[in-house]
Amino acid sequence: MKARQAVRVSRLELDAAKQTLKNAGPAKQEAARLEVENAEDDFVQKTEVAISLMKTVLENPEPLKNLNELAKAQLMLSATAAEALSSVQDEIEELSVAAEGEYRKSREH
């Protein structure tokens, strides 16, 4: 994800450099052109790194298997937590109703 973000940021920087070149006056054209070239080189380099990392993920199934196991474990944890909360919530509701009844009785006298 960091590599993809780096590509995205690099692309924005390249677009900004191109816009600067487009709007540059004659005195600043050469500096702006160099900035575009540097931004293009940076964009190409970051894109190559991102592609390489993505290929590595696709070539080795282990990270995806591990991610799947993590997702299954998180799903089980969430289901167990939801079940426990539901059980506790029922008990709390019963206690709340009983406490409210006792409170009202004490106020009547």
N, C-alpha and C. Protein backbone atom coordinates (compact mmCIF):
# COMPACT_ATOMS: atom_id res chain seq x y z
N MET A 1 0.82 -1.19 0.00
CA MET A 1 0.00 0.00 0.00
C MET A 1 0.86 1.26 0.00
N LYS A 2 1.99 1.20 0.69
CA LYS A 2 2.86 2.38 0.72
C LYS A 2 3.42 2.65 -0.67
N ALA A 3 3.74 1.59 -1.41
CA ALA A 3 4.28 1.76 -2.75
C ALA A 3 3.24 2.38 -3.68
N ARG A 4 2.00 1.93 -3.56
CA ARG A 4 0.93 2.51 -4.39
C ARG A 4 0.71 3.97 -4.03
N GLN A 5 0.77 4.29 -2.75
CA GLN A 5 0.62 5.68 -2.32
C GLN A 5 1.78 6.53 -2.86
N ALA A 6 2.98 5.96 -2.84
CA ALA A 6 4.14 6.69 -3.36
C ALA A 6 3.97 6.98 -4.85
N VAL A 7 3.42 6.02 -5.59
CA VAL A 7 3.16 6.23 -7.02
C VAL A 7 2.13 7.34 -7.20
N ARG A 8 1.08 7.31 -6.40
CA ARG A 8 0.02 8.31 -6.49
C ARG A 8 0.59 9.71 -6.23
N VAL A 9 1.39 9.83 -5.17
CA VAL A 9 1.99 11.13 -4.83
C VAL A 9 2.94 11.59 -5.92
N SER A 10 3.74 10.64 -6.44
CA SER A 10 4.69 10.98 -7.49
C SER A 10 3.96 11.46 -8.75
N ARG A 11 2.83 10.82 -9.04
CA ARG A 11 2.05 11.24 -10.21
C ARG A 11 1.51 12.66 -10.03
N LEU A 12 1.05 12.96 -8.83
CA LEU A 12 0.56 14.32 -8.55
C LEU A 12 1.69 15.34 -8.70
N GLU A 13 2.87 14.97 -8.21
CA GLU A 13 4.03 15.88 -8.34
C GLU A 13 4.40 16.08 -9.80
N LEU A 14 4.33 15.01 -10.59
CA LEU A 14 4.62 15.13 -12.02
C LEU A 14 3.60 16.04 -12.70
N ASP A 15 2.33 15.85 -12.39
CA ASP A 15 1.30 16.70 -12.97
C ASP A 15 1.51 18.17 -12.59
N ALA A 16 1.88 18.40 -11.34
CA ALA A 16 2.14 19.77 -10.88
C ALA A 16 3.33 20.37 -11.62
N ALA A 17 4.38 19.57 -11.82
CA ALA A 17 5.56 20.06 -12.54
C ALA A 17 5.21 20.38 -13.99
N LYS A 18 4.39 19.55 -14.61
CA LYS A 18 3.97 19.82 -15.99
C LYS A 18 3.15 21.10 -16.08
N GLN A 19 2.30 21.32 -15.10
CA GLN A 19 1.49 22.54 -15.07
C GLN A 19 2.39 23.77 -14.89
N THR A 20 3.40 23.62 -14.03
CA THR A 20 4.34 24.72 -13.81
C THR A 20 5.08 25.05 -15.10
N LEU A 21 5.50 24.00 -15.82
CA LEU A 21 6.19 24.20 -17.10
C LEU A 21 5.27 24.91 -18.10
N LYS A 22 4.04 24.48 -18.14
CA LYS A 22 3.07 25.07 -19.06
C LYS A 22 2.88 26.56 -18.80
N ASN A 23 2.90 26.94 -17.52
CA ASN A 23 2.66 28.33 -17.14
C ASN A 23 3.94 29.15 -16.97
N ALA A 24 5.10 28.52 -17.14
CA ALA A 24 6.37 29.20 -16.89
C ALA A 24 6.67 30.22 -18.00
N GLY A 25 7.26 31.30 -17.57
CA GLY A 25 7.70 32.31 -18.53
C GLY A 25 9.00 31.85 -19.17
N PRO A 26 9.44 32.56 -20.18
CA PRO A 26 10.66 32.18 -20.90
C PRO A 26 11.89 32.06 -20.00
N ALA A 27 11.98 32.88 -18.99
CA ALA A 27 13.15 32.86 -18.10
C ALA A 27 13.19 31.60 -17.24
N LYS A 28 12.03 31.01 -16.96
CA LYS A 28 11.98 29.86 -16.05
C LYS A 28 11.68 28.55 -16.76
N GLN A 29 11.63 28.58 -18.09
CA GLN A 29 11.29 27.38 -18.86
C GLN A 29 12.29 26.25 -18.64
N GLU A 30 13.57 26.55 -18.68
CA GLU A 30 14.58 25.50 -18.55
C GLU A 30 14.52 24.84 -17.19
N ALA A 31 14.40 25.62 -16.14
CA ALA A 31 14.31 25.06 -14.78
C ALA A 31 13.05 24.22 -14.64
N ALA A 32 11.95 24.68 -15.22
CA ALA A 32 10.70 23.93 -15.14
C ALA A 32 10.79 22.64 -15.94
N ARG A 33 11.48 22.67 -17.08
CA ARG A 33 11.66 21.47 -17.90
C ARG A 33 12.49 20.43 -17.13
N LEU A 34 13.53 20.89 -16.43
CA LEU A 34 14.33 19.97 -15.62
C LEU A 34 13.50 19.38 -14.48
N GLU A 35 12.64 20.17 -13.91
CA GLU A 35 11.76 19.69 -12.84
C GLU A 35 10.82 18.60 -13.35
N VAL A 36 10.30 18.78 -14.56
CA VAL A 36 9.43 17.77 -15.17
C VAL A 36 10.22 16.48 -15.41
N GLU A 37 11.43 16.61 -15.93
CA GLU A 37 12.25 15.42 -16.18
C GLU A 37 12.54 14.67 -14.89
N ASN A 38 12.89 15.40 -13.84
CA ASN A 38 13.14 14.76 -12.54
C ASN A 38 11.88 14.09 -12.00
N ALA A 39 10.75 14.76 -12.15
CA ALA A 39 9.49 14.19 -11.68
C ALA A 39 9.12 12.95 -12.48
N GLU A 40 9.40 12.97 -13.79
CA GLU A 40 9.13 11.78 -14.62
C GLU A 40 10.01 10.62 -14.18
N ASP A 41 11.29 10.89 -13.95
CA ASP A 41 12.20 9.83 -13.50
C ASP A 41 11.74 9.24 -12.17
N ASP A 42 11.33 10.11 -11.25
CA ASP A 42 10.85 9.66 -9.94
C ASP A 42 9.59 8.82 -10.09
N PHE A 43 8.68 9.26 -10.96
CA PHE A 43 7.44 8.53 -11.19
C PHE A 43 7.72 7.14 -11.77
N VAL A 44 8.61 7.07 -12.74
CA VAL A 44 8.95 5.78 -13.35
C VAL A 44 9.58 4.86 -12.31
N GLN A 45 10.49 5.38 -11.51
CA GLN A 45 11.16 4.56 -10.49
C GLN A 45 10.17 4.03 -9.47
N LYS A 46 9.28 4.88 -9.00
CA LYS A 46 8.31 4.45 -7.98
C LYS A 46 7.30 3.48 -8.57
N THR A 47 6.95 3.66 -9.84
CA THR A 47 6.04 2.72 -10.50
C THR A 47 6.70 1.35 -10.63
N GLU A 48 7.97 1.33 -11.00
CA GLU A 48 8.68 0.05 -11.12
C GLU A 48 8.77 -0.67 -9.78
N VAL A 49 9.02 0.07 -8.72
CA VAL A 49 9.07 -0.53 -7.38
C VAL A 49 7.71 -1.12 -7.02
N ALA A 50 6.65 -0.38 -7.27
CA ALA A 50 5.31 -0.86 -6.94
C ALA A 50 4.95 -2.11 -7.74
N ILE A 51 5.28 -2.12 -9.01
CA ILE A 51 5.01 -3.29 -9.85
C ILE A 51 5.78 -4.50 -9.34
N SER A 52 7.04 -4.28 -8.99
CA SER A 52 7.87 -5.37 -8.47
C SER A 52 7.27 -5.95 -7.19
N LEU A 53 6.84 -5.09 -6.29
CA LEU A 53 6.23 -5.56 -5.04
C LEU A 53 4.94 -6.32 -5.30
N MET A 54 4.13 -5.82 -6.23
CA MET A 54 2.87 -6.50 -6.54
C MET A 54 3.13 -7.87 -7.16
N LYS A 55 4.14 -7.96 -8.02
CA LYS A 55 4.48 -9.25 -8.62
C LYS A 55 4.94 -10.23 -7.54
N THR A 56 5.71 -9.74 -6.58
CA THR A 56 6.19 -10.59 -5.49
C THR A 56 5.01 -11.17 -4.71
N VAL A 57 4.01 -10.36 -4.45
CA VAL A 57 2.83 -10.83 -3.73
C VAL A 57 2.11 -11.91 -4.53
N LEU A 58 2.00 -11.70 -5.84
CA LEU A 58 1.30 -12.67 -6.67
C LEU A 58 2.09 -13.96 -6.87
N GLU A 59 3.41 -13.88 -6.84
CA GLU A 59 4.23 -15.07 -7.05
C GLU A 59 4.28 -15.97 -5.83
N ASN A 60 4.13 -15.43 -4.65
CA ASN A 60 4.22 -16.21 -3.42
C ASN A 60 2.85 -16.25 -2.75
N PRO A 61 2.24 -17.44 -2.66
CA PRO A 61 0.90 -17.51 -2.08
C PRO A 61 0.88 -17.38 -0.55
N GLU A 62 2.04 -17.46 0.08
CA GLU A 62 2.08 -17.46 1.55
C GLU A 62 1.48 -16.21 2.18
N PRO A 63 1.81 -15.00 1.72
CA PRO A 63 1.20 -13.82 2.34
C PRO A 63 -0.33 -13.81 2.22
N LEU A 64 -0.84 -14.27 1.08
CA LEU A 64 -2.29 -14.31 0.91
C LEU A 64 -2.92 -15.36 1.81
N LYS A 65 -2.24 -16.49 1.98
CA LYS A 65 -2.75 -17.52 2.90
C LYS A 65 -2.76 -16.98 4.32
N ASN A 66 -1.71 -16.28 4.70
CA ASN A 66 -1.65 -15.70 6.05
C ASN A 66 -2.74 -14.65 6.25
N LEU A 67 -2.96 -13.84 5.23
CA LEU A 67 -4.01 -12.83 5.31
C LEU A 67 -5.38 -13.49 5.46
N ASN A 68 -5.60 -14.58 4.74
CA ASN A 68 -6.85 -15.31 4.85
C ASN A 68 -7.03 -15.87 6.25
N GLU A 69 -5.98 -16.43 6.83
CA GLU A 69 -6.06 -16.96 8.19
C GLU A 69 -6.36 -15.85 9.19
N LEU A 70 -5.74 -14.70 9.01
CA LEU A 70 -6.01 -13.56 9.88
C LEU A 70 -7.47 -13.13 9.77
N ALA A 71 -7.98 -13.07 8.55
CA ALA A 71 -9.37 -12.68 8.34
C ALA A 71 -10.32 -13.66 9.02
N LYS A 72 -10.03 -14.96 8.90
CA LYS A 72 -10.87 -15.97 9.55
C LYS A 72 -10.82 -15.82 11.06
N ALA A 73 -9.63 -15.59 11.61
CA ALA A 73 -9.49 -15.43 13.06
C ALA A 73 -10.24 -14.19 13.54
N GLN A 74 -10.15 -13.10 12.79
CA GLN A 74 -10.85 -11.87 13.16
C GLN A 74 -12.37 -12.09 13.10
N LEU A 75 -12.81 -12.84 12.11
CA LEU A 75 -14.24 -13.13 11.98
C LEU A 75 -14.73 -13.95 13.17
N MET A 76 -13.97 -14.95 13.57
CA MET A 76 -14.34 -15.77 14.73
C MET A 76 -14.35 -14.92 15.99
N LEU A 77 -13.35 -14.07 16.16
CA LEU A 77 -13.28 -13.20 17.33
C LEU A 77 -14.50 -12.27 17.38
N SER A 78 -14.83 -11.70 16.25
CA SER A 78 -15.99 -10.79 16.20
C SER A 78 -17.28 -11.53 16.52
N ALA A 79 -17.43 -12.73 16.00
CA ALA A 79 -18.65 -13.52 16.27
C ALA A 79 -18.74 -13.87 17.75
N THR A 80 -17.61 -14.27 18.34
CA THR A 80 -17.59 -14.62 19.77
C THR A 80 -17.90 -13.39 20.62
N ALA A 81 -17.32 -12.27 20.26
CA ALA A 81 -17.56 -11.03 21.00
C ALA A 81 -19.02 -10.61 20.89
N ALA A 82 -19.60 -10.73 19.70
CA ALA A 82 -21.01 -10.37 19.51
C ALA A 82 -21.91 -11.26 20.34
N GLU A 83 -21.60 -12.54 20.38
CA GLU A 83 -22.38 -13.48 21.18
C GLU A 83 -22.29 -13.14 22.67
N ALA A 84 -21.09 -12.85 23.14
CA ALA A 84 -20.89 -12.50 24.55
C ALA A 84 -21.62 -11.20 24.89
N LEU A 85 -21.51 -10.21 24.02
CA LEU A 85 -22.20 -8.94 24.27
C LEU A 85 -23.71 -9.11 24.28
N SER A 86 -24.21 -9.93 23.40
CA SER A 86 -25.65 -10.18 23.35
C SER A 86 -26.13 -10.81 24.65
N SER A 87 -25.37 -11.78 25.14
CA SER A 87 -25.72 -12.45 26.40
C SER A 87 -25.69 -11.46 27.57
N VAL A 88 -24.64 -10.68 27.64
CA VAL A 88 -24.50 -9.70 28.72
C VAL A 88 -25.59 -8.63 28.62
N GLN A 89 -25.90 -8.22 27.41
CA GLN A 89 -26.92 -7.19 27.22
C GLN A 89 -28.27 -7.68 27.72
N ASP A 90 -28.61 -8.93 27.48
CA ASP A 90 -29.86 -9.49 28.00
C ASP A 90 -29.90 -9.42 29.52
N GLU A 91 -28.80 -9.80 30.15
CA GLU A 91 -28.73 -9.76 31.62
C GLU A 91 -28.84 -8.33 32.14
N ILE A 92 -28.17 -7.41 31.48
CA ILE A 92 -28.22 -6.00 31.89
C ILE A 92 -29.64 -5.46 31.74
N GLU A 93 -30.30 -5.84 30.67
CA GLU A 93 -31.68 -5.38 30.47
C GLU A 93 -32.59 -5.90 31.58
N GLU A 94 -32.43 -7.17 31.95
CA GLU A 94 -33.23 -7.73 33.05
C GLU A 94 -32.96 -6.98 34.35
N LEU A 95 -31.68 -6.73 34.65
CA LEU A 95 -31.33 -5.99 35.86
C LEU A 95 -31.89 -4.57 35.82
N SER A 96 -31.86 -3.96 34.66
CA SER A 96 -32.37 -2.59 34.50
C SER A 96 -33.87 -2.54 34.78
N VAL A 97 -34.61 -3.50 34.25
CA VAL A 97 -36.05 -3.54 34.47
C VAL A 97 -36.35 -3.76 35.95
N ALA A 98 -35.62 -4.69 36.58
CA ALA A 98 -35.82 -4.96 38.00
C ALA A 98 -35.47 -3.74 38.84
N ALA A 99 -34.37 -3.08 38.53
CA ALA A 99 -33.95 -1.90 39.28
C ALA A 99 -34.96 -0.77 39.13
N GLU A 100 -35.49 -0.61 37.93
CA GLU A 100 -36.48 0.44 37.71
C GLU A 100 -37.75 0.16 38.51
N GLY A 101 -38.15 -1.12 38.55
CA GLY A 101 -39.32 -1.50 39.34
C GLY A 101 -39.11 -1.22 40.82
N GLU A 102 -37.95 -1.57 41.33
CA GLU A 102 -37.63 -1.31 42.74
C GLU A 102 -37.60 0.18 43.03
N TYR A 103 -37.05 0.95 42.12
CA TYR A 103 -36.98 2.40 42.29
C TYR A 103 -38.38 3.00 42.36
N ARG A 104 -39.24 2.57 41.45
CA ARG A 104 -40.62 3.10 41.43
C ARG A 104 -41.38 2.73 42.71
N LYS A 105 -41.14 1.49 43.19
CA LYS A 105 -41.79 1.06 44.44
C LYS A 105 -41.34 1.94 45.59
N SER A 106 -40.05 2.24 45.64
CA SER A 106 -39.53 3.05 46.75
C SER A 106 -40.07 4.48 46.68
N ARG A 107 -40.41 4.98 45.54
CA ARG A 107 -40.92 6.34 45.38
C ARG A 107 -42.41 6.44 45.70
N GLU A 108 -43.11 5.30 45.64
CA GLU A 108 -44.55 5.31 45.88
C GLU A 108 -44.86 5.51 47.36
N HIS A 109 -44.01 5.08 48.23
CA HIS A 109 -44.29 5.13 49.67
C HIS A 109 -43.80 6.38 50.28
